[in-house]
Amino acid sequence: MTARAFASEAGVPAHRLYQWRRVARQRENETTAVVPFVEVPRELAPRGWVAEALTRSGVVRFSLTASPAWAGQLIRELNRC
């Protein structure tokens, strides 16, 4: 069955089906991507932040008060831009 035929049978616009598929593929790529970490000796780390992440939007620096869950969500959202 083609995607258009399935969308028609399910009562969903075909463009919506294609959009869902695109989003699912993007999420799959995000979860399988390897993110390298580089250890920086504490004495060489700049003051005021403890972690740095390179996203598609640029470099993001996190303070000691940033929670890992919040930082992860922010990185995921920035990579969508």
Protein backbone atom coordinates (compact mmCIF):
# COMPACT_ATOMS: atom_id res chain seq x y z
CA MET A 1 0.00 0.00 0.00
CA THR A 2 1.36 3.42 -0.85
CA ALA A 3 1.66 6.15 1.75
CA ARG A 4 -1.05 8.16 0.00
CA ALA A 5 -3.41 5.20 -0.06
CA PHE A 6 -2.79 4.49 3.62
CA ALA A 7 -3.32 8.16 4.53
CA SER A 8 -6.57 8.23 2.59
CA GLU A 9 -7.80 5.03 4.24
CA ALA A 10 -6.82 6.29 7.70
CA GLY A 11 -8.43 9.68 7.11
CA VAL A 12 -5.15 11.57 7.56
CA PRO A 13 -3.80 14.11 5.08
CA ALA A 14 -0.86 12.62 3.17
CA HIS A 15 1.39 15.56 4.05
CA ARG A 16 0.83 14.83 7.75
CA LEU A 17 1.90 11.21 7.28
CA TYR A 18 5.08 12.35 5.51
CA GLN A 19 5.75 14.87 8.30
CA TRP A 20 5.40 12.20 10.99
CA ARG A 21 7.76 9.93 9.09
CA ARG A 22 10.34 12.72 8.73
CA VAL A 23 10.18 13.54 12.45
CA ALA A 24 10.51 9.85 13.37
CA ARG A 25 13.60 9.52 11.17
CA GLN A 26 15.14 12.65 12.70
CA ARG A 27 14.58 11.32 16.20
CA GLU A 28 16.07 7.99 15.21
CA ASN A 29 19.17 9.77 13.88
CA GLU A 30 19.45 11.85 17.06
CA THR A 31 19.35 8.82 19.32
CA THR A 32 21.94 6.88 17.32
CA ALA A 33 24.37 9.78 16.90
CA VAL A 34 27.60 9.47 18.87
CA VAL A 35 28.47 12.55 20.87
CA PRO A 36 32.16 12.73 21.71
CA PHE A 37 33.22 14.04 25.10
CA VAL A 38 36.59 15.61 25.69
CA GLU A 39 37.93 15.82 29.22
CA VAL A 40 39.31 19.22 30.18
CA PRO A 41 41.53 19.42 33.24
CA ARG A 42 39.78 21.44 35.93
CA GLU A 43 42.63 23.94 36.17
CA LEU A 44 42.26 24.73 32.43
CA ALA A 45 38.47 25.08 32.46
CA PRO A 46 37.18 28.66 32.23
CA ARG A 47 35.42 30.06 35.29
CA GLY A 48 31.65 30.21 35.49
CA TRP A 49 30.77 27.11 33.50
CA VAL A 50 31.38 23.39 33.79
CA ALA A 51 30.24 21.91 30.49
CA GLU A 52 30.22 22.89 26.84
CA ALA A 53 28.15 21.36 24.04
CA LEU A 54 28.49 21.96 20.31
CA THR A 55 25.08 22.05 18.61
CA ARG A 56 23.99 22.91 15.09
CA SER A 57 23.21 26.38 16.44
CA GLY A 58 26.63 26.89 18.02
CA VAL A 59 28.37 26.36 21.31
CA VAL A 60 26.35 26.25 24.53
CA ARG A 61 28.01 26.50 27.93
CA PHE A 62 26.33 25.23 31.09
CA SER A 63 26.77 26.44 34.63
CA LEU A 64 27.12 24.16 37.62
CA THR A 65 23.43 24.76 38.44
CA ALA A 66 22.14 23.40 35.09
CA SER A 67 20.43 20.04 35.56
CA PRO A 68 21.46 17.25 33.18
CA ALA A 69 17.84 16.69 32.11
CA TRP A 70 17.38 20.37 31.25
CA ALA A 71 20.71 20.53 29.44
CA GLY A 72 19.85 17.44 27.38
CA GLN A 73 16.47 18.86 26.39
CA LEU A 74 18.03 22.19 25.42
CA ILE A 75 20.62 20.46 23.22
CA ARG A 76 17.92 18.39 21.50
CA GLU A 77 15.83 21.50 20.82
CA LEU A 78 18.80 23.50 19.52
CA ASN A 79 19.75 20.67 17.17
CA ARG A 80 16.30 20.94 15.59
CA CYS A 81 17.05 24.52 14.49
